[in-house]
Amino acid sequence: THTSFSPWIIVKANDKRAARLESIRYVL
C-alpha cells in the first residue's frame, strides 16, 4: 500500500515530543 500517490510517512516516535513536532512540520 506504499504508492507514489499515497506514500507511507514513518515517524520515529520513541521520543514523543520530537514525534509531535516533526509530524506537524511534515504536514506544514
PDB file of all heavy atoms in Angstrom:
ATOM      1  N   THR A   1       0.811  -1.236   0.000  1.00  0.00           N
ATOM      2  CA  THR A   1       0.000   0.000   0.000  1.00  0.00           C
ATOM      3  C   THR A   1       0.834   1.272   0.000  1.00  0.00           C
ATOM      4  O   THR A   1       0.276   2.365   0.051  1.00  0.00           O
ATOM      5  CB  THR A   1      -0.962   0.025   1.205  1.00  0.00           C
ATOM      6  OG1 THR A   1      -0.207   0.062   2.425  1.00  0.00           O
ATOM      7  CG2 THR A   1      -1.870  -1.196   1.214  1.00  0.00           C
ATOM      8  N   HIS A   2       2.149   1.153  -0.069  1.00  0.00           N
ATOM      9  CA  HIS A   2       3.012   2.332  -0.211  1.00  0.00           C
ATOM     10  C   HIS A   2       3.110   2.662  -1.689  1.00  0.00           C
ATOM     11  O   HIS A   2       3.685   1.904  -2.467  1.00  0.00           O
ATOM     12  CB  HIS A   2       4.392   2.049   0.372  1.00  0.00           C
ATOM     13  CG  HIS A   2       5.371   3.175   0.171  1.00  0.00           C
ATOM     14  ND1 HIS A   2       5.300   4.358   0.872  1.00  0.00           N
ATOM     15  CD2 HIS A   2       6.441   3.281  -0.665  1.00  0.00           C
ATOM     16  CE1 HIS A   2       6.292   5.156   0.495  1.00  0.00           C
ATOM     17  NE2 HIS A   2       6.988   4.521  -0.444  1.00  0.00           N
ATOM     18  N   THR A   3       2.487   3.757  -2.102  1.00  0.00           N
ATOM     19  CA  THR A   3       2.424   4.108  -3.525  1.00  0.00           C
ATOM     20  C   THR A   3       2.934   5.526  -3.734  1.00  0.00           C
ATOM     21  O   THR A   3       3.056   6.304  -2.781  1.00  0.00           O
ATOM     22  CB  THR A   3       0.976   4.026  -4.041  1.00  0.00           C
ATOM     23  OG1 THR A   3       0.153   4.932  -3.272  1.00  0.00           O
ATOM     24  CG2 THR A   3       0.421   2.604  -3.888  1.00  0.00           C
ATOM     25  N   SER A   4       3.206   5.864  -4.978  1.00  0.00           N
ATOM     26  CA  SER A   4       3.694   7.210  -5.284  1.00  0.00           C
ATOM     27  C   SER A   4       2.640   8.265  -4.990  1.00  0.00           C
ATOM     28  O   SER A   4       2.961   9.389  -4.602  1.00  0.00           O
ATOM     29  CB  SER A   4       4.125   7.289  -6.752  1.00  0.00           C
ATOM     30  OG  SER A   4       3.023   6.979  -7.601  1.00  0.00           O
ATOM     31  N   PHE A   5       1.364   7.922  -5.183  1.00  0.00           N
ATOM     32  CA  PHE A   5       0.288   8.895  -4.957  1.00  0.00           C
ATOM     33  C   PHE A   5      -0.203   8.907  -3.508  1.00  0.00           C
ATOM     34  O   PHE A   5      -0.873   9.834  -3.077  1.00  0.00           O
ATOM     35  CB  PHE A   5      -0.893   8.622  -5.905  1.00  0.00           C
ATOM     36  CG  PHE A   5      -1.415   7.211  -5.850  1.00  0.00           C
ATOM     37  CD1 PHE A   5      -2.339   6.832  -4.892  1.00  0.00           C
ATOM     38  CD2 PHE A   5      -0.977   6.262  -6.762  1.00  0.00           C
ATOM     39  CE1 PHE A   5      -2.822   5.532  -4.841  1.00  0.00           C
ATOM     40  CE2 PHE A   5      -1.453   4.955  -6.722  1.00  0.00           C
ATOM     41  CZ  PHE A   5      -2.371   4.588  -5.744  1.00  0.00           C
ATOM     42  N   SER A   6       0.119   7.865  -2.733  1.00  0.00           N
ATOM     43  CA  SER A   6      -0.301   7.805  -1.329  1.00  0.00           C
ATOM     44  C   SER A   6       0.766   7.065  -0.518  1.00  0.00           C
ATOM     45  O   SER A   6       0.569   5.931  -0.098  1.00  0.00           O
ATOM     46  CB  SER A   6      -1.660   7.094  -1.208  1.00  0.00           C
ATOM     47  OG  SER A   6      -2.112   7.100   0.132  1.00  0.00           O
ATOM     48  N   PRO A   7       1.913   7.733  -0.287  1.00  0.00           N
ATOM     49  CA  PRO A   7       3.032   7.066   0.379  1.00  0.00           C
ATOM     50  C   PRO A   7       2.846   6.978   1.891  1.00  0.00           C
ATOM     51  O   PRO A   7       2.085   7.750   2.484  1.00  0.00           O
ATOM     52  CB  PRO A   7       4.214   7.973   0.040  1.00  0.00           C
ATOM     53  CG  PRO A   7       3.595   9.339  -0.068  1.00  0.00           C
ATOM     54  CD  PRO A   7       2.239   9.115  -0.693  1.00  0.00           C
ATOM     55  N   TRP A   8       3.542   6.057   2.515  1.00  0.00           N
ATOM     56  CA  TRP A   8       3.595   5.974   3.974  1.00  0.00           C
ATOM     57  C   TRP A   8       4.702   6.884   4.487  1.00  0.00           C
ATOM     58  O   TRP A   8       5.826   6.883   3.963  1.00  0.00           O
ATOM     59  CB  TRP A   8       3.865   4.542   4.425  1.00  0.00           C
ATOM     60  CG  TRP A   8       2.625   3.711   4.471  1.00  0.00           C
ATOM     61  CD1 TRP A   8       2.234   2.748   3.594  1.00  0.00           C
ATOM     62  CD2 TRP A   8       1.586   3.775   5.471  1.00  0.00           C
ATOM     63  NE1 TRP A   8       1.022   2.209   3.967  1.00  0.00           N
ATOM     64  CE2 TRP A   8       0.601   2.821   5.121  1.00  0.00           C
ATOM     65  CE3 TRP A   8       1.389   4.546   6.624  1.00  0.00           C
ATOM     66  CZ2 TRP A   8      -0.557   2.618   5.874  1.00  0.00           C
ATOM     67  CZ3 TRP A   8       0.244   4.350   7.377  1.00  0.00           C
ATOM     68  CH2 TRP A   8      -0.714   3.396   6.999  1.00  0.00           C
ATOM     69  N   ILE A   9       4.374   7.640   5.536  1.00  0.00           N
ATOM     70  CA  ILE A   9       5.349   8.507   6.185  1.00  0.00           C
ATOM     71  C   ILE A   9       5.646   7.910   7.566  1.00  0.00           C
ATOM     72  O   ILE A   9       4.742   7.771   8.388  1.00  0.00           O
ATOM     73  CB  ILE A   9       4.817   9.951   6.329  1.00  0.00           C
ATOM     74  CG1 ILE A   9       4.314  10.474   4.976  1.00  0.00           C
ATOM     75  CG2 ILE A   9       5.885  10.853   6.932  1.00  0.00           C
ATOM     76  CD1 ILE A   9       5.347  10.454   3.870  1.00  0.00           C
ATOM     77  N   ILE A  10       6.895   7.544   7.800  1.00  0.00           N
ATOM     78  CA  ILE A  10       7.287   6.893   9.041  1.00  0.00           C
ATOM     79  C   ILE A  10       7.758   7.948  10.043  1.00  0.00           C
ATOM     80  O   ILE A  10       8.624   8.776   9.724  1.00  0.00           O
ATOM     81  CB  ILE A  10       8.413   5.868   8.813  1.00  0.00           C
ATOM     82  CG1 ILE A  10       8.050   4.933   7.660  1.00  0.00           C
ATOM     83  CG2 ILE A  10       8.688   5.098  10.098  1.00  0.00           C
ATOM     84  CD1 ILE A  10       6.771   4.151   7.863  1.00  0.00           C
ATOM     85  N   VAL A  11       7.182   7.904  11.240  1.00  0.00           N
ATOM     86  CA  VAL A  11       7.570   8.817  12.318  1.00  0.00           C
ATOM     87  C   VAL A  11       8.216   7.993  13.431  1.00  0.00           C
ATOM     88  O   VAL A  11       7.586   7.104  13.994  1.00  0.00           O
ATOM     89  CB  VAL A  11       6.352   9.575  12.889  1.00  0.00           C
ATOM     90  CG1 VAL A  11       6.800  10.546  13.992  1.00  0.00           C
ATOM     91  CG2 VAL A  11       5.608  10.314  11.788  1.00  0.00           C
ATOM     92  N   LYS A  12       9.468   8.259  13.722  1.00  0.00           N
ATOM     93  CA  LYS A  12      10.146   7.579  14.824  1.00  0.00           C
ATOM     94  C   LYS A  12       9.666   8.217  16.136  1.00  0.00           C
ATOM     95  O   LYS A  12       9.991   9.361  16.438  1.00  0.00           O
ATOM     96  CB  LYS A  12      11.662   7.700  14.676  1.00  0.00           C
ATOM     97  CG  LYS A  12      12.190   7.001  13.434  1.00  0.00           C
ATOM     98  CD  LYS A  12      13.685   7.185  13.277  1.00  0.00           C
ATOM     99  CE  LYS A  12      14.190   6.511  12.001  1.00  0.00           C
ATOM    100  NZ  LYS A  12      15.634   6.758  11.780  1.00  0.00           N
ATOM    101  N   ALA A  13       8.890   7.440  16.879  1.00  0.00           N
ATOM    102  CA  ALA A  13       8.103   8.021  17.974  1.00  0.00           C
ATOM    103  C   ALA A  13       8.543   7.572  19.362  1.00  0.00           C
ATOM    104  O   ALA A  13       7.790   7.735  20.322  1.00  0.00           O
ATOM    105  CB  ALA A  13       6.619   7.695  17.766  1.00  0.00           C
ATOM    106  N   ASN A  14       9.762   7.036  19.501  1.00  0.00           N
ATOM    107  CA  ASN A  14      10.240   6.738  20.850  1.00  0.00           C
ATOM    108  C   ASN A  14      10.313   8.002  21.699  1.00  0.00           C
ATOM    109  O   ASN A  14      10.096   7.966  22.905  1.00  0.00           O
ATOM    110  CB  ASN A  14      11.627   6.083  20.793  1.00  0.00           C
ATOM    111  CG  ASN A  14      11.546   4.595  20.504  1.00  0.00           C
ATOM    112  OD1 ASN A  14      10.465   3.999  20.521  1.00  0.00           O
ATOM    113  ND2 ASN A  14      12.683   3.977  20.238  1.00  0.00           N
ATOM    114  N   ASP A  15      10.634   9.130  21.057  1.00  0.00           N
ATOM    115  CA  ASP A  15      10.617  10.440  21.707  1.00  0.00           C
ATOM    116  C   ASP A  15       9.305  11.120  21.319  1.00  0.00           C
ATOM    117  O   ASP A  15       9.144  11.579  20.193  1.00  0.00           O
ATOM    118  CB  ASP A  15      11.822  11.267  21.241  1.00  0.00           C
ATOM    119  CG  ASP A  15      11.906  12.637  21.911  1.00  0.00           C
ATOM    120  OD1 ASP A  15      10.857  13.184  22.325  1.00  0.00           O
ATOM    121  OD2 ASP A  15      13.020  13.173  21.996  1.00  0.00           O
ATOM    122  N   LYS A  16       8.369  11.182  22.266  1.00  0.00           N
ATOM    123  CA  LYS A  16       7.035  11.712  21.955  1.00  0.00           C
ATOM    124  C   LYS A  16       7.084  13.150  21.479  1.00  0.00           C
ATOM    125  O   LYS A  16       6.381  13.535  20.533  1.00  0.00           O
ATOM    126  CB  LYS A  16       6.137  11.617  23.192  1.00  0.00           C
ATOM    127  CG  LYS A  16       5.565  10.256  23.476  1.00  0.00           C
ATOM    128  CD  LYS A  16       4.573  10.336  24.629  1.00  0.00           C
ATOM    129  CE  LYS A  16       3.929   8.989  24.909  1.00  0.00           C
ATOM    130  NZ  LYS A  16       2.942   9.079  26.011  1.00  0.00           N
ATOM    131  N   ARG A  17       7.877  13.963  22.150  1.00  0.00           N
ATOM    132  CA  ARG A  17       7.914  15.386  21.785  1.00  0.00           C
ATOM    133  C   ARG A  17       8.444  15.587  20.377  1.00  0.00           C
ATOM    134  O   ARG A  17       7.876  16.363  19.597  1.00  0.00           O
ATOM    135  CB  ARG A  17       8.753  16.156  22.803  1.00  0.00           C
ATOM    136  CG  ARG A  17       8.087  16.319  24.164  1.00  0.00           C
ATOM    137  CD  ARG A  17       8.974  17.054  25.135  1.00  0.00           C
ATOM    138  NE  ARG A  17       8.292  17.338  26.386  1.00  0.00           N
ATOM    139  CZ  ARG A  17       8.871  17.901  27.437  1.00  0.00           C
ATOM    140  NH1 ARG A  17      10.155  18.242  27.379  1.00  0.00           N
ATOM    141  NH2 ARG A  17       8.179  18.131  28.552  1.00  0.00           N
ATOM    142  N   ALA A  18       9.512  14.892  20.043  1.00  0.00           N
ATOM    143  CA  ALA A  18      10.065  15.019  18.692  1.00  0.00           C
ATOM    144  C   ALA A  18       9.059  14.533  17.660  1.00  0.00           C
ATOM    145  O   ALA A  18       8.895  15.144  16.599  1.00  0.00           O
ATOM    146  CB  ALA A  18      11.370  14.239  18.585  1.00  0.00           C
ATOM    147  N   ALA A  19       8.363  13.446  17.958  1.00  0.00           N
ATOM    148  CA  ALA A  19       7.374  12.909  17.020  1.00  0.00           C
ATOM    149  C   ALA A  19       6.259  13.919  16.762  1.00  0.00           C
ATOM    150  O   ALA A  19       5.809  14.089  15.628  1.00  0.00           O
ATOM    151  CB  ALA A  19       6.793  11.606  17.566  1.00  0.00           C
ATOM    152  N   ARG A  20       5.810  14.581  17.820  1.00  0.00           N
ATOM    153  CA  ARG A  20       4.741  15.572  17.662  1.00  0.00           C
ATOM    154  C   ARG A  20       5.209  16.743  16.796  1.00  0.00           C
ATOM    155  O   ARG A  20       4.518  17.145  15.844  1.00  0.00           O
ATOM    156  CB  ARG A  20       4.293  16.071  19.033  1.00  0.00           C
ATOM    157  CG  ARG A  20       3.568  15.030  19.867  1.00  0.00           C
ATOM    158  CD  ARG A  20       3.472  15.466  21.319  1.00  0.00           C
ATOM    159  NE  ARG A  20       2.871  14.427  22.153  1.00  0.00           N
ATOM    160  CZ  ARG A  20       2.867  14.445  23.487  1.00  0.00           C
ATOM    161  NH1 ARG A  20       3.465  15.457  24.123  1.00  0.00           N
ATOM    162  NH2 ARG A  20       2.297  13.480  24.161  1.00  0.00           N
ATOM    163  N   LEU A  21       6.368  17.285  17.133  1.00  0.00           N
ATOM    164  CA  LEU A  21       6.845  18.452  16.405  1.00  0.00           C
ATOM    165  C   LEU A  21       7.116  18.127  14.943  1.00  0.00           C
ATOM    166  O   LEU A  21       6.711  18.883  14.044  1.00  0.00           O
ATOM    167  CB  LEU A  21       8.125  18.988  17.055  1.00  0.00           C
ATOM    168  CG  LEU A  21       8.003  19.545  18.482  1.00  0.00           C
ATOM    169  CD1 LEU A  21       9.374  20.002  18.984  1.00  0.00           C
ATOM    170  CD2 LEU A  21       7.008  20.702  18.557  1.00  0.00           C
ATOM    171  N   GLU A  22       7.778  17.006  14.691  1.00  0.00           N
ATOM    172  CA  GLU A  22       8.195  16.702  13.319  1.00  0.00           C
ATOM    173  C   GLU A  22       7.035  16.253  12.441  1.00  0.00           C
ATOM    174  O   GLU A  22       7.038  16.500  11.237  1.00  0.00           O
ATOM    175  CB  GLU A  22       9.309  15.667  13.321  1.00  0.00           C
ATOM    176  CG  GLU A  22      10.565  16.098  14.073  1.00  0.00           C
ATOM    177  CD  GLU A  22      11.085  17.475  13.660  1.00  0.00           C
ATOM    178  OE1 GLU A  22      11.051  17.794  12.449  1.00  0.00           O
ATOM    179  OE2 GLU A  22      11.494  18.234  14.547  1.00  0.00           O
ATOM    180  N   SER A  23       6.020  15.607  13.013  1.00  0.00           N
ATOM    181  CA  SER A  23       4.858  15.257  12.201  1.00  0.00           C
ATOM    182  C   SER A  23       4.076  16.513  11.815  1.00  0.00           C
ATOM    183  O   SER A  23       3.576  16.615  10.688  1.00  0.00           O
ATOM    184  CB  SER A  23       3.962  14.252  12.922  1.00  0.00           C
ATOM    185  OG  SER A  23       3.548  14.738  14.178  1.00  0.00           O
ATOM    186  N   ILE A  24       3.985  17.471  12.735  1.00  0.00           N
ATOM    187  CA  ILE A  24       3.356  18.760  12.376  1.00  0.00           C
ATOM    188  C   ILE A  24       4.167  19.429  11.281  1.00  0.00           C
ATOM    189  O   ILE A  24       3.615  19.935  10.287  1.00  0.00           O
ATOM    190  CB  ILE A  24       3.233  19.663  13.608  1.00  0.00           C
ATOM    191  CG1 ILE A  24       2.242  19.081  14.614  1.00  0.00           C
ATOM    192  CG2 ILE A  24       2.781  21.074  13.188  1.00  0.00           C
ATOM    193  CD1 ILE A  24       2.163  19.842  15.932  1.00  0.00           C
ATOM    194  N   ARG A  25       5.483  19.448  11.451  1.00  0.00           N
ATOM    195  CA  ARG A  25       6.336  20.068  10.438  1.00  0.00           C
ATOM    196  C   ARG A  25       6.138  19.401   9.075  1.00  0.00           C
ATOM    197  O   ARG A  25       6.113  20.082   8.040  1.00  0.00           O
ATOM    198  CB  ARG A  25       7.809  19.960  10.853  1.00  0.00           C
ATOM    199  CG  ARG A  25       8.348  21.200  11.549  1.00  0.00           C
ATOM    200  CD  ARG A  25       9.855  21.133  11.668  1.00  0.00           C
ATOM    201  NE  ARG A  25      10.248  20.795  13.003  1.00  0.00           N
ATOM    202  CZ  ARG A  25      10.480  21.679  13.971  1.00  0.00           C
ATOM    203  NH1 ARG A  25      10.340  22.971  13.726  1.00  0.00           N
ATOM    204  NH2 ARG A  25      10.845  21.293  15.167  1.00  0.00           N
ATOM    205  N   TYR A  26       6.008  18.072   9.071  1.00  0.00           N
ATOM    206  CA  TYR A  26       5.834  17.380   7.787  1.00  0.00           C
ATOM    207  C   TYR A  26       4.562  17.842   7.085  1.00  0.00           C
ATOM    208  O   TYR A  26       4.582  18.117   5.875  1.00  0.00           O
ATOM    209  CB  TYR A  26       5.795  15.864   7.986  1.00  0.00           C
ATOM    210  CG  TYR A  26       5.580  15.162   6.667  1.00  0.00           C
ATOM    211  CD1 TYR A  26       6.651  14.883   5.832  1.00  0.00           C
ATOM    212  CD2 TYR A  26       4.300  14.859   6.225  1.00  0.00           C
ATOM    213  CE1 TYR A  26       6.452  14.300   4.592  1.00  0.00           C
ATOM    214  CE2 TYR A  26       4.089  14.273   4.982  1.00  0.00           C
ATOM    215  CZ  TYR A  26       5.167  14.000   4.176  1.00  0.00           C
ATOM    216  OH  TYR A  26       4.963  13.442   2.935  1.00  0.00           O
ATOM    217  N   VAL A  27       3.454  17.922   7.817  1.00  0.00           N
ATOM    218  CA  VAL A  27       2.200  18.360   7.206  1.00  0.00           C
ATOM    219  C   VAL A  27       2.337  19.783   6.678  1.00  0.00           C
ATOM    220  O   VAL A  27       1.906  20.089   5.553  1.00  0.00           O
ATOM    221  CB  VAL A  27       1.037  18.250   8.218  1.00  0.00           C
ATOM    222  CG1 VAL A  27      -0.223  18.934   7.681  1.00  0.00           C
ATOM    223  CG2 VAL A  27       0.747  16.787   8.543  1.00  0.00           C
ATOM    224  N   LEU A  28       2.959  20.656   7.449  1.00  0.00           N
ATOM    225  CA  LEU A  28       3.139  22.040   7.001  1.00  0.00           C
ATOM    226  C   LEU A  28       4.008  22.089   5.744  1.00  0.00           C
ATOM    227  O   LEU A  28       3.746  22.877   4.827  1.00  0.00           O
ATOM    228  CB  LEU A  28       3.789  22.869   8.112  1.00  0.00           C
ATOM    229  CG  LEU A  28       2.945  23.084   9.368  1.00  0.00           C
ATOM    230  CD1 LEU A  28       3.780  23.739  10.467  1.00  0.00           C
ATOM    231  CD2 LEU A  28       1.712  23.932   9.075  1.00  0.00           C
TER     232      LEU A  28
END
